[in-house]
Amino acid sequence: MRWLFLPILFTLFFSSLVFAEGSPIDTAEGVVVKVIDGGKINVNSEGMILKIRLYGIDAPEKKKISLKTGEVNKAGQPFGEESWKALESKVYHQKVQLEIIDIDRYGRMVAIVWLRGREINKEMVAEGWAWAYRKYIHDPYTSGYINAEEKARKEKRGLWQQHKPQPPWEFRQIQKLLMQLHSSNSFKRFNNKVSQG
């Protein structure tokens, strides 16, 4: 008899997860101690450093420069630096509130960042420093972020000054393929030298 209730409990449990998607799972607050790029920050919350990815947005990739050599070790996109500077000017050394929506595969907290009543994630999109990340955004935020992006695009704000800006998720995919191609070519050249050796 009790086995009859198992499918009902299972259904209720998973339907509650679906309805809760996009809702905060926790909250925190702290001071922003580092702005990594236009979509990632580190927050000191009661002595613990929280790695935060801004929920619902994807900013242009910022080039990465090696501290040891000073050389570029990861390519960036147009407006990657400007997006980073825009976020930095808003939140660096500021006390922010976080609505944590999820934990990503890298262990970062995915959160909505609030500063004195301002929703920083949406501001970044509205000012043209980031895309609304449609793949990972859910209600009740979807329409607000998409409308903010469309308005920024229409008004040619930030990265929308470009004719056809490449979304960061496409840029990352191309970079990944290029790295794989480069690695496989390097491996082939190494094998050729060894076999000729």
N, C-alpha and C. Protein backbone atom coordinates (compact mmCIF):
# COMPACT_ATOMS: atom_id res chain seq x y z
N MET A 1 0.82 -1.19 0.00
CA MET A 1 0.00 0.00 0.00
C MET A 1 0.87 1.27 0.00
N ARG A 2 1.93 1.28 0.87
CA ARG A 2 2.74 2.49 0.91
C ARG A 2 3.51 2.70 -0.40
N TRP A 3 3.74 1.66 -1.17
CA TRP A 3 4.44 1.80 -2.45
C TRP A 3 3.59 2.57 -3.45
N LEU A 4 2.30 2.61 -3.25
CA LEU A 4 1.42 3.37 -4.14
C LEU A 4 1.67 4.88 -4.01
N PHE A 5 2.11 5.32 -2.84
CA PHE A 5 2.33 6.73 -2.62
C PHE A 5 3.69 7.21 -3.15
N LEU A 6 4.58 6.29 -3.40
CA LEU A 6 5.91 6.65 -3.87
C LEU A 6 5.88 7.45 -5.18
N PRO A 7 5.14 7.03 -6.21
CA PRO A 7 5.10 7.83 -7.44
C PRO A 7 4.51 9.22 -7.21
N ILE A 8 3.56 9.33 -6.30
CA ILE A 8 2.96 10.63 -6.02
C ILE A 8 4.00 11.55 -5.36
N LEU A 9 4.72 11.02 -4.37
CA LEU A 9 5.76 11.80 -3.70
C LEU A 9 6.85 12.22 -4.69
N PHE A 10 7.24 11.27 -5.56
CA PHE A 10 8.25 11.55 -6.58
C PHE A 10 7.80 12.70 -7.49
N THR A 11 6.56 12.66 -7.94
CA THR A 11 6.00 13.69 -8.82
C THR A 11 5.96 15.04 -8.11
N LEU A 12 5.49 15.04 -6.86
CA LEU A 12 5.42 16.29 -6.10
C LEU A 12 6.80 16.90 -5.89
N PHE A 13 7.77 16.06 -5.57
CA PHE A 13 9.13 16.54 -5.34
C PHE A 13 9.69 17.21 -6.59
N PHE A 14 9.62 16.54 -7.74
CA PHE A 14 10.19 17.10 -8.96
C PHE A 14 9.39 18.27 -9.51
N SER A 15 8.10 18.29 -9.31
CA SER A 15 7.33 19.45 -9.77
C SER A 15 7.67 20.67 -8.92
N SER A 16 7.98 20.47 -7.63
CA SER A 16 8.37 21.61 -6.79
C SER A 16 9.72 22.16 -7.25
N LEU A 17 10.61 21.32 -7.74
CA LEU A 17 11.89 21.80 -8.25
C LEU A 17 11.69 22.65 -9.49
N VAL A 18 10.79 22.24 -10.36
CA VAL A 18 10.53 22.99 -11.58
C VAL A 18 9.95 24.36 -11.25
N PHE A 19 8.99 24.42 -10.33
CA PHE A 19 8.38 25.69 -9.98
C PHE A 19 9.35 26.60 -9.24
N ALA A 20 10.32 26.02 -8.57
CA ALA A 20 11.27 26.83 -7.79
C ALA A 20 12.43 27.35 -8.64
N GLU A 21 12.56 26.87 -9.89
CA GLU A 21 13.68 27.28 -10.73
C GLU A 21 13.68 28.79 -10.89
N GLY A 22 14.82 29.42 -10.67
CA GLY A 22 14.90 30.86 -10.77
C GLY A 22 14.64 31.56 -9.45
N SER A 23 14.18 30.82 -8.45
CA SER A 23 13.96 31.40 -7.12
C SER A 23 15.24 31.27 -6.31
N PRO A 24 15.49 32.26 -5.42
CA PRO A 24 16.72 32.18 -4.61
C PRO A 24 16.73 30.94 -3.72
N ILE A 25 17.90 30.30 -3.63
CA ILE A 25 18.06 29.17 -2.72
C ILE A 25 18.69 29.63 -1.41
N ASP A 26 19.29 30.85 -1.46
CA ASP A 26 19.90 31.40 -0.25
C ASP A 26 20.20 32.87 -0.51
N THR A 27 20.57 33.58 0.54
CA THR A 27 20.98 34.97 0.41
C THR A 27 22.29 35.16 1.18
N ALA A 28 23.01 36.20 0.81
CA ALA A 28 24.25 36.54 1.51
C ALA A 28 24.51 38.01 1.24
N GLU A 29 25.45 38.56 1.99
CA GLU A 29 25.90 39.91 1.71
C GLU A 29 27.37 40.02 2.05
N GLY A 30 28.00 41.00 1.46
CA GLY A 30 29.42 41.19 1.72
C GLY A 30 29.97 42.28 0.84
N VAL A 31 31.28 42.46 0.90
CA VAL A 31 31.97 43.51 0.15
C VAL A 31 32.66 42.87 -1.06
N VAL A 32 32.49 43.50 -2.22
CA VAL A 32 33.14 43.01 -3.44
C VAL A 32 34.64 43.33 -3.34
N VAL A 33 35.44 42.28 -3.37
CA VAL A 33 36.90 42.45 -3.23
C VAL A 33 37.64 42.25 -4.56
N LYS A 34 36.94 41.71 -5.56
CA LYS A 34 37.57 41.53 -6.87
C LYS A 34 36.47 41.47 -7.93
N VAL A 35 36.73 42.14 -9.06
CA VAL A 35 35.87 42.05 -10.23
C VAL A 35 36.70 41.35 -11.29
N ILE A 36 36.29 40.15 -11.66
CA ILE A 36 37.09 39.32 -12.57
C ILE A 36 36.86 39.71 -14.02
N ASP A 37 35.59 39.91 -14.37
CA ASP A 37 35.22 40.38 -15.70
C ASP A 37 33.82 40.98 -15.59
N GLY A 38 33.14 41.16 -16.70
CA GLY A 38 31.83 41.79 -16.68
C GLY A 38 30.71 40.93 -16.13
N GLY A 39 31.03 39.73 -15.70
CA GLY A 39 29.98 38.84 -15.18
C GLY A 39 30.40 38.02 -13.98
N LYS A 40 31.60 38.29 -13.42
CA LYS A 40 32.06 37.50 -12.27
C LYS A 40 32.76 38.40 -11.25
N ILE A 41 32.44 38.13 -9.98
CA ILE A 41 33.03 38.90 -8.88
C ILE A 41 33.37 37.97 -7.73
N ASN A 42 34.23 38.45 -6.83
CA ASN A 42 34.49 37.76 -5.56
C ASN A 42 33.99 38.69 -4.46
N VAL A 43 33.27 38.09 -3.49
CA VAL A 43 32.67 38.85 -2.40
C VAL A 43 33.18 38.29 -1.07
N ASN A 44 33.64 39.19 -0.19
CA ASN A 44 34.04 38.80 1.15
C ASN A 44 32.80 38.89 2.03
N SER A 45 32.32 37.73 2.45
CA SER A 45 31.14 37.65 3.31
C SER A 45 31.56 37.03 4.64
N GLU A 46 31.68 37.88 5.66
CA GLU A 46 32.06 37.44 7.00
C GLU A 46 33.38 36.64 6.98
N GLY A 47 34.36 37.15 6.23
CA GLY A 47 35.67 36.52 6.18
C GLY A 47 35.80 35.38 5.19
N MET A 48 34.72 35.01 4.53
CA MET A 48 34.76 33.93 3.54
C MET A 48 34.63 34.55 2.14
N ILE A 49 35.49 34.14 1.21
CA ILE A 49 35.44 34.66 -0.16
C ILE A 49 34.46 33.82 -0.97
N LEU A 50 33.41 34.47 -1.46
CA LEU A 50 32.41 33.81 -2.30
C LEU A 50 32.70 34.15 -3.76
N LYS A 51 32.81 33.13 -4.60
CA LYS A 51 33.00 33.34 -6.03
C LYS A 51 31.60 33.39 -6.65
N ILE A 52 31.30 34.51 -7.30
CA ILE A 52 29.96 34.79 -7.80
C ILE A 52 29.97 34.96 -9.31
N ARG A 53 29.03 34.28 -9.96
CA ARG A 53 28.76 34.52 -11.38
C ARG A 53 27.41 35.20 -11.42
N LEU A 54 27.30 36.33 -12.11
CA LEU A 54 26.05 37.06 -12.16
C LEU A 54 25.00 36.26 -12.93
N TYR A 55 23.86 36.06 -12.30
CA TYR A 55 22.78 35.27 -12.87
C TYR A 55 22.16 35.97 -14.08
N GLY A 56 21.85 35.18 -15.11
CA GLY A 56 21.03 35.64 -16.23
C GLY A 56 21.74 36.51 -17.25
N ILE A 57 23.05 36.69 -17.09
CA ILE A 57 23.78 37.52 -18.06
C ILE A 57 25.04 36.81 -18.52
N ASP A 58 25.52 37.22 -19.68
CA ASP A 58 26.81 36.74 -20.18
C ASP A 58 27.52 37.94 -20.81
N ALA A 59 28.66 38.30 -20.26
CA ALA A 59 29.41 39.47 -20.70
C ALA A 59 30.50 39.07 -21.68
N PRO A 60 30.94 40.01 -22.54
CA PRO A 60 32.04 39.71 -23.46
C PRO A 60 33.27 39.25 -22.69
N GLU A 61 34.00 38.31 -23.27
CA GLU A 61 35.20 37.78 -22.63
C GLU A 61 36.31 38.84 -22.61
N LYS A 62 36.96 38.94 -21.48
CA LYS A 62 38.09 39.86 -21.27
C LYS A 62 39.37 39.07 -21.53
N LYS A 63 40.33 39.69 -22.23
CA LYS A 63 41.59 38.96 -22.47
C LYS A 63 42.29 38.73 -21.14
N LYS A 64 42.97 37.59 -21.06
CA LYS A 64 43.72 37.23 -19.86
C LYS A 64 45.20 37.37 -20.15
N ILE A 65 45.89 38.07 -19.26
CA ILE A 65 47.33 38.30 -19.43
C ILE A 65 48.07 37.57 -18.32
N SER A 66 49.10 36.84 -18.69
CA SER A 66 49.92 36.11 -17.73
C SER A 66 50.67 37.09 -16.84
N LEU A 67 50.57 36.89 -15.52
CA LEU A 67 51.30 37.74 -14.58
C LEU A 67 52.80 37.49 -14.66
N LYS A 68 53.18 36.26 -15.03
CA LYS A 68 54.61 35.91 -15.11
C LYS A 68 55.28 36.50 -16.34
N THR A 69 54.63 36.32 -17.50
CA THR A 69 55.28 36.71 -18.76
C THR A 69 54.77 38.04 -19.31
N GLY A 70 53.59 38.46 -18.89
CA GLY A 70 52.99 39.68 -19.43
C GLY A 70 52.36 39.48 -20.80
N GLU A 71 52.34 38.22 -21.26
CA GLU A 71 51.77 37.92 -22.57
C GLU A 71 50.30 37.54 -22.44
N VAL A 72 49.56 37.77 -23.52
CA VAL A 72 48.15 37.37 -23.55
C VAL A 72 48.10 35.86 -23.64
N ASN A 73 47.44 35.22 -22.67
CA ASN A 73 47.32 33.76 -22.72
C ASN A 73 45.90 33.31 -22.99
N LYS A 74 44.98 34.25 -23.11
CA LYS A 74 43.61 33.92 -23.49
C LYS A 74 43.03 35.13 -24.20
N ALA A 75 42.53 34.91 -25.41
CA ALA A 75 42.01 36.00 -26.23
C ALA A 75 40.76 36.61 -25.59
N GLY A 76 40.53 37.86 -25.92
CA GLY A 76 39.33 38.55 -25.44
C GLY A 76 38.47 39.00 -26.60
N GLN A 77 37.34 39.59 -26.26
CA GLN A 77 36.40 40.08 -27.26
C GLN A 77 36.34 41.61 -27.21
N PRO A 78 35.86 42.21 -28.31
CA PRO A 78 35.60 43.65 -28.23
C PRO A 78 34.62 43.91 -27.08
N PHE A 79 34.86 44.97 -26.35
CA PHE A 79 34.05 45.42 -25.21
C PHE A 79 34.20 44.53 -23.97
N GLY A 80 35.13 43.58 -24.00
CA GLY A 80 35.39 42.78 -22.80
C GLY A 80 35.96 43.63 -21.67
N GLU A 81 36.92 44.49 -22.01
CA GLU A 81 37.53 45.38 -21.01
C GLU A 81 36.51 46.40 -20.52
N GLU A 82 35.74 46.97 -21.44
CA GLU A 82 34.75 47.98 -21.07
C GLU A 82 33.67 47.39 -20.17
N SER A 83 33.26 46.17 -20.45
CA SER A 83 32.26 45.50 -19.62
C SER A 83 32.80 45.29 -18.21
N TRP A 84 34.05 44.83 -18.11
CA TRP A 84 34.71 44.63 -16.82
C TRP A 84 34.78 45.95 -16.05
N LYS A 85 35.21 47.01 -16.72
CA LYS A 85 35.33 48.32 -16.07
C LYS A 85 33.96 48.84 -15.61
N ALA A 86 32.92 48.58 -16.41
CA ALA A 86 31.57 49.03 -16.03
C ALA A 86 31.12 48.34 -14.74
N LEU A 87 31.33 47.03 -14.66
CA LEU A 87 30.95 46.31 -13.45
C LEU A 87 31.81 46.74 -12.27
N GLU A 88 33.10 46.91 -12.52
CA GLU A 88 34.01 47.34 -11.45
C GLU A 88 33.59 48.70 -10.89
N SER A 89 33.22 49.63 -11.78
CA SER A 89 32.83 50.97 -11.32
C SER A 89 31.55 50.94 -10.49
N LYS A 90 30.73 49.94 -10.70
CA LYS A 90 29.47 49.82 -9.94
C LYS A 90 29.67 49.19 -8.57
N VAL A 91 30.47 48.11 -8.49
CA VAL A 91 30.44 47.29 -7.28
C VAL A 91 31.75 47.14 -6.50
N TYR A 92 32.89 47.49 -7.08
CA TYR A 92 34.16 47.25 -6.40
C TYR A 92 34.23 48.01 -5.08
N HIS A 93 34.55 47.28 -4.01
CA HIS A 93 34.64 47.80 -2.64
C HIS A 93 33.27 48.22 -2.08
N GLN A 94 32.20 47.80 -2.73
CA GLN A 94 30.85 48.12 -2.26
C GLN A 94 30.26 46.93 -1.52
N LYS A 95 29.38 47.23 -0.56
CA LYS A 95 28.66 46.17 0.14
C LYS A 95 27.43 45.83 -0.69
N VAL A 96 27.34 44.56 -1.08
CA VAL A 96 26.25 44.10 -1.95
C VAL A 96 25.44 43.01 -1.25
N GLN A 97 24.21 42.85 -1.71
CA GLN A 97 23.36 41.75 -1.27
C GLN A 97 23.27 40.77 -2.43
N LEU A 98 23.27 39.48 -2.10
CA LEU A 98 23.25 38.43 -3.11
C LEU A 98 22.01 37.56 -2.93
N GLU A 99 21.29 37.35 -4.02
CA GLU A 99 20.23 36.33 -4.05
C GLU A 99 20.82 35.17 -4.84
N ILE A 100 21.17 34.13 -4.14
CA ILE A 100 21.84 32.99 -4.78
C ILE A 100 20.78 32.10 -5.42
N ILE A 101 20.89 31.93 -6.72
CA ILE A 101 19.91 31.18 -7.50
C ILE A 101 20.37 29.74 -7.72
N ASP A 102 21.67 29.54 -7.85
CA ASP A 102 22.18 28.21 -8.21
C ASP A 102 23.68 28.14 -7.88
N ILE A 103 24.25 26.97 -8.04
CA ILE A 103 25.69 26.75 -7.98
C ILE A 103 26.06 26.16 -9.34
N ASP A 104 27.04 26.78 -10.03
CA ASP A 104 27.38 26.28 -11.36
C ASP A 104 28.37 25.11 -11.28
N ARG A 105 28.72 24.57 -12.44
CA ARG A 105 29.58 23.38 -12.48
C ARG A 105 31.00 23.64 -11.99
N TYR A 106 31.37 24.92 -11.88
CA TYR A 106 32.69 25.28 -11.38
C TYR A 106 32.66 25.59 -9.89
N GLY A 107 31.51 25.40 -9.26
CA GLY A 107 31.38 25.65 -7.83
C GLY A 107 31.13 27.10 -7.47
N ARG A 108 30.89 27.95 -8.48
CA ARG A 108 30.59 29.36 -8.20
C ARG A 108 29.11 29.51 -7.87
N MET A 109 28.80 30.48 -7.03
CA MET A 109 27.42 30.79 -6.74
C MET A 109 26.90 31.67 -7.87
N VAL A 110 25.76 31.31 -8.41
CA VAL A 110 25.13 32.09 -9.46
C VAL A 110 24.08 32.95 -8.76
N ALA A 111 24.26 34.27 -8.83
CA ALA A 111 23.45 35.14 -7.98
C ALA A 111 23.02 36.43 -8.67
N ILE A 112 21.95 36.99 -8.15
CA ILE A 112 21.54 38.34 -8.51
C ILE A 112 22.22 39.25 -7.49
N VAL A 113 22.89 40.26 -8.00
CA VAL A 113 23.64 41.18 -7.15
C VAL A 113 22.85 42.47 -7.00
N TRP A 114 22.60 42.85 -5.76
CA TRP A 114 21.86 44.07 -5.43
C TRP A 114 22.79 45.05 -4.74
N LEU A 115 22.69 46.32 -5.13
CA LEU A 115 23.46 47.39 -4.51
C LEU A 115 22.51 48.56 -4.26
N ARG A 116 22.22 48.81 -3.01
CA ARG A 116 21.32 49.91 -2.62
C ARG A 116 20.03 49.92 -3.45
N GLY A 117 19.41 48.74 -3.58
CA GLY A 117 18.14 48.62 -4.31
C GLY A 117 18.26 48.49 -5.81
N ARG A 118 19.47 48.56 -6.35
CA ARG A 118 19.67 48.43 -7.79
C ARG A 118 20.03 46.99 -8.12
N GLU A 119 19.38 46.44 -9.14
CA GLU A 119 19.68 45.08 -9.61
C GLU A 119 20.81 45.19 -10.64
N ILE A 120 22.03 44.90 -10.19
CA ILE A 120 23.22 45.12 -11.01
C ILE A 120 23.23 44.25 -12.27
N ASN A 121 22.78 43.01 -12.17
CA ASN A 121 22.75 42.12 -13.34
C ASN A 121 21.97 42.78 -14.48
N LYS A 122 20.76 43.22 -14.16
CA LYS A 122 19.89 43.83 -15.17
C LYS A 122 20.48 45.14 -15.68
N GLU A 123 21.12 45.91 -14.80
CA GLU A 123 21.78 47.16 -15.23
C GLU A 123 22.84 46.88 -16.28
N MET A 124 23.63 45.81 -16.07
CA MET A 124 24.69 45.49 -17.02
C MET A 124 24.10 45.21 -18.41
N VAL A 125 22.96 44.54 -18.44
CA VAL A 125 22.30 44.25 -19.72
C VAL A 125 21.71 45.54 -20.30
N ALA A 126 21.04 46.33 -19.46
CA ALA A 126 20.37 47.56 -19.92
C ALA A 126 21.36 48.58 -20.48
N GLU A 127 22.59 48.58 -19.94
CA GLU A 127 23.59 49.53 -20.40
C GLU A 127 24.42 48.99 -21.57
N GLY A 128 24.12 47.77 -22.00
CA GLY A 128 24.81 47.21 -23.16
C GLY A 128 26.16 46.59 -22.85
N TRP A 129 26.38 46.19 -21.59
CA TRP A 129 27.66 45.56 -21.23
C TRP A 129 27.57 44.04 -21.17
N ALA A 130 26.37 43.49 -21.37
CA ALA A 130 26.19 42.03 -21.32
C ALA A 130 24.93 41.64 -22.07
N TRP A 131 24.88 40.38 -22.46
CA TRP A 131 23.69 39.79 -23.07
C TRP A 131 22.79 39.23 -21.97
N ALA A 132 21.50 39.18 -22.24
CA ALA A 132 20.60 38.36 -21.41
C ALA A 132 20.92 36.93 -21.80
N TYR A 133 21.29 36.10 -20.84
CA TYR A 133 21.74 34.73 -21.12
C TYR A 133 20.53 33.81 -21.17
N ARG A 134 19.87 33.80 -22.32
CA ARG A 134 18.59 33.12 -22.50
C ARG A 134 18.62 31.64 -22.12
N LYS A 135 19.75 31.01 -22.33
CA LYS A 135 19.86 29.57 -22.05
C LYS A 135 19.69 29.27 -20.56
N TYR A 136 20.10 30.22 -19.71
CA TYR A 136 20.10 29.94 -18.28
C TYR A 136 19.21 30.89 -17.46
N ILE A 137 18.40 31.68 -18.11
CA ILE A 137 17.55 32.60 -17.37
C ILE A 137 16.12 32.06 -17.31
N HIS A 138 15.49 32.25 -16.17
CA HIS A 138 14.14 31.72 -15.96
C HIS A 138 13.23 32.81 -15.38
N ASP A 139 11.93 32.57 -15.48
CA ASP A 139 10.98 33.50 -14.87
C ASP A 139 11.22 33.54 -13.38
N PRO A 140 11.05 34.63 -12.76
CA PRO A 140 10.38 35.86 -13.21
C PRO A 140 11.30 36.89 -13.86
N TYR A 141 12.53 36.51 -14.21
CA TYR A 141 13.52 37.46 -14.70
C TYR A 141 13.58 37.54 -16.23
N THR A 142 13.11 36.52 -16.91
CA THR A 142 13.31 36.40 -18.36
C THR A 142 12.91 37.65 -19.12
N SER A 143 11.66 38.07 -19.02
CA SER A 143 11.19 39.18 -19.84
C SER A 143 11.89 40.49 -19.50
N GLY A 144 12.17 40.73 -18.23
CA GLY A 144 12.86 41.97 -17.85
C GLY A 144 14.25 42.06 -18.45
N TYR A 145 15.00 40.95 -18.41
CA TYR A 145 16.36 40.96 -18.94
C TYR A 145 16.34 41.04 -20.47
N ILE A 146 15.45 40.30 -21.10
CA ILE A 146 15.37 40.31 -22.56
C ILE A 146 14.92 41.68 -23.05
N ASN A 147 13.94 42.30 -22.39
CA ASN A 147 13.49 43.64 -22.78
C ASN A 147 14.62 44.66 -22.60
N ALA A 148 15.40 44.52 -21.53
CA ALA A 148 16.53 45.43 -21.29
C ALA A 148 17.56 45.28 -22.41
N GLU A 149 17.81 44.04 -22.83
CA GLU A 149 18.77 43.82 -23.92
C GLU A 149 18.27 44.41 -25.23
N GLU A 150 17.00 44.19 -25.53
CA GLU A 150 16.45 44.71 -26.79
C GLU A 150 16.49 46.24 -26.84
N LYS A 151 16.22 46.88 -25.70
CA LYS A 151 16.29 48.34 -25.64
C LYS A 151 17.73 48.82 -25.82
N ALA A 152 18.69 48.18 -25.16
CA ALA A 152 20.10 48.54 -25.30
C ALA A 152 20.56 48.36 -26.75
N ARG A 153 20.10 47.28 -27.36
CA ARG A 153 20.46 46.99 -28.76
C ARG A 153 19.92 48.08 -29.68
N LYS A 154 18.65 48.42 -29.48
CA LYS A 154 17.99 49.43 -30.31
C LYS A 154 18.67 50.80 -30.15
N GLU A 155 19.11 51.12 -28.93
CA GLU A 155 19.74 52.41 -28.66
C GLU A 155 21.26 52.38 -28.86
N LYS A 156 21.78 51.24 -29.33
CA LYS A 156 23.22 51.06 -29.61
C LYS A 156 24.09 51.42 -28.41
N ARG A 157 23.70 50.89 -27.26
CA ARG A 157 24.49 51.12 -26.05
C ARG A 157 25.59 50.08 -25.93
N GLY A 158 26.73 50.49 -25.36
CA GLY A 158 27.81 49.55 -25.06
C GLY A 158 28.22 48.72 -26.25
N LEU A 159 28.21 47.40 -26.07
CA LEU A 159 28.67 46.48 -27.12
C LEU A 159 27.78 46.48 -28.35
N TRP A 160 26.58 47.05 -28.23
CA TRP A 160 25.66 47.09 -29.37
C TRP A 160 26.04 48.18 -30.36
N GLN A 161 27.13 48.91 -30.10
CA GLN A 161 27.67 49.85 -31.09
C GLN A 161 28.27 49.08 -32.26
N GLN A 162 28.63 47.81 -32.04
CA GLN A 162 29.18 46.97 -33.10
C GLN A 162 28.06 46.53 -34.03
N HIS A 163 28.45 46.21 -35.27
CA HIS A 163 27.44 45.79 -36.25
C HIS A 163 26.79 44.46 -35.85
N LYS A 164 27.60 43.45 -35.65
CA LYS A 164 27.08 42.13 -35.25
C LYS A 164 27.98 41.56 -34.17
N PRO A 165 27.78 41.98 -32.91
CA PRO A 165 28.66 41.46 -31.86
C PRO A 165 28.47 39.95 -31.68
N GLN A 166 29.58 39.27 -31.47
CA GLN A 166 29.54 37.82 -31.28
C GLN A 166 29.24 37.51 -29.82
N PRO A 167 28.18 36.73 -29.56
CA PRO A 167 27.86 36.36 -28.17
C PRO A 167 29.02 35.60 -27.54
N PRO A 168 29.26 35.82 -26.24
CA PRO A 168 30.38 35.16 -25.57
C PRO A 168 30.33 33.64 -25.61
N TRP A 169 29.13 33.05 -25.57
CA TRP A 169 29.05 31.59 -25.60
C TRP A 169 29.53 31.05 -26.94
N GLU A 170 29.32 31.78 -28.04
CA GLU A 170 29.85 31.37 -29.34
C GLU A 170 31.37 31.57 -29.38
N PHE A 171 31.83 32.72 -28.86
CA PHE A 171 33.26 33.01 -28.82
C PHE A 171 34.00 31.93 -28.04
N ARG A 172 33.47 31.54 -26.87
CA ARG A 172 34.14 30.50 -26.06
C ARG A 172 34.20 29.17 -26.79
N GLN A 173 33.14 28.84 -27.50
CA GLN A 173 33.10 27.58 -28.25
C GLN A 173 34.15 27.58 -29.35
N ILE A 174 34.28 28.69 -30.07
CA ILE A 174 35.28 28.80 -31.14
C ILE A 174 36.69 28.73 -30.54
N GLN A 175 36.92 29.42 -29.42
CA GLN A 175 38.23 29.38 -28.77
C GLN A 175 38.59 27.96 -28.33
N LYS A 176 37.60 27.25 -27.83
CA LYS A 176 37.82 25.86 -27.39
C LYS A 176 38.22 24.99 -28.59
N LEU A 177 37.52 25.15 -29.71
CA LEU A 177 37.84 24.38 -30.92
C LEU A 177 39.24 24.73 -31.43
N LEU A 178 39.59 26.02 -31.41
CA LEU A 178 40.92 26.44 -31.86
C LEU A 178 42.01 25.85 -30.98
N MET A 179 41.77 25.82 -29.67
CA MET A 179 42.75 25.23 -28.75
C MET A 179 42.92 23.74 -29.03
N GLN A 180 41.81 23.05 -29.29
CA GLN A 180 41.89 21.62 -29.60
C GLN A 180 42.65 21.39 -30.90
N LEU A 181 42.37 22.24 -31.88
CA LEU A 181 43.06 22.13 -33.16
C LEU A 181 44.55 22.40 -32.98
N HIS A 182 44.86 23.45 -32.25
CA HIS A 182 46.27 23.80 -31.99
C HIS A 182 46.98 22.66 -31.26
N SER A 183 46.32 22.11 -30.26
CA SER A 183 46.92 21.00 -29.49
C SER A 183 47.16 19.79 -30.37
N SER A 184 46.19 19.47 -31.22
CA SER A 184 46.35 18.29 -32.06
C SER A 184 47.44 18.52 -33.10
N ASN A 185 47.56 19.75 -33.66
CA ASN A 185 48.64 20.05 -34.61
C ASN A 185 49.99 20.03 -33.93
N SER A 186 50.07 20.56 -32.72
CA SER A 186 51.34 20.54 -31.96
C SER A 186 51.75 19.10 -31.69
N PHE A 187 50.80 18.28 -31.34
CA PHE A 187 51.08 16.87 -31.05
C PHE A 187 51.59 16.16 -32.31
N LYS A 188 50.96 16.46 -33.46
CA LYS A 188 51.39 15.85 -34.72
C LYS A 188 52.82 16.27 -35.07
N ARG A 189 53.12 17.59 -34.90
CA ARG A 189 54.48 18.07 -35.21
C ARG A 189 55.50 17.42 -34.28
N PHE A 190 55.14 17.29 -32.98
CA PHE A 190 56.03 16.65 -32.02
C PHE A 190 56.28 15.20 -32.42
N ASN A 191 55.22 14.47 -32.79
CA ASN A 191 55.36 13.07 -33.20
C ASN A 191 56.23 12.94 -34.45
N ASN A 192 56.04 13.88 -35.40
CA ASN A 192 56.85 13.85 -36.62
C ASN A 192 58.33 14.05 -36.31
N LYS A 193 58.64 14.99 -35.42
CA LYS A 193 60.04 15.24 -35.04
C LYS A 193 60.64 14.03 -34.33
N VAL A 194 59.87 13.40 -33.46
CA VAL A 194 60.36 12.24 -32.71
C VAL A 194 60.60 11.08 -33.67
N SER A 195 59.67 10.85 -34.61
CA SER A 195 59.83 9.72 -35.53
C SER A 195 60.96 9.96 -36.53
N GLN A 196 61.24 11.24 -36.85
CA GLN A 196 62.34 11.55 -37.76
C GLN A 196 63.69 11.52 -37.04
N GLY A 197 63.62 11.77 -35.68
CA GLY A 197 64.74 11.90 -34.80
C GLY A 197 65.91 11.09 -35.00
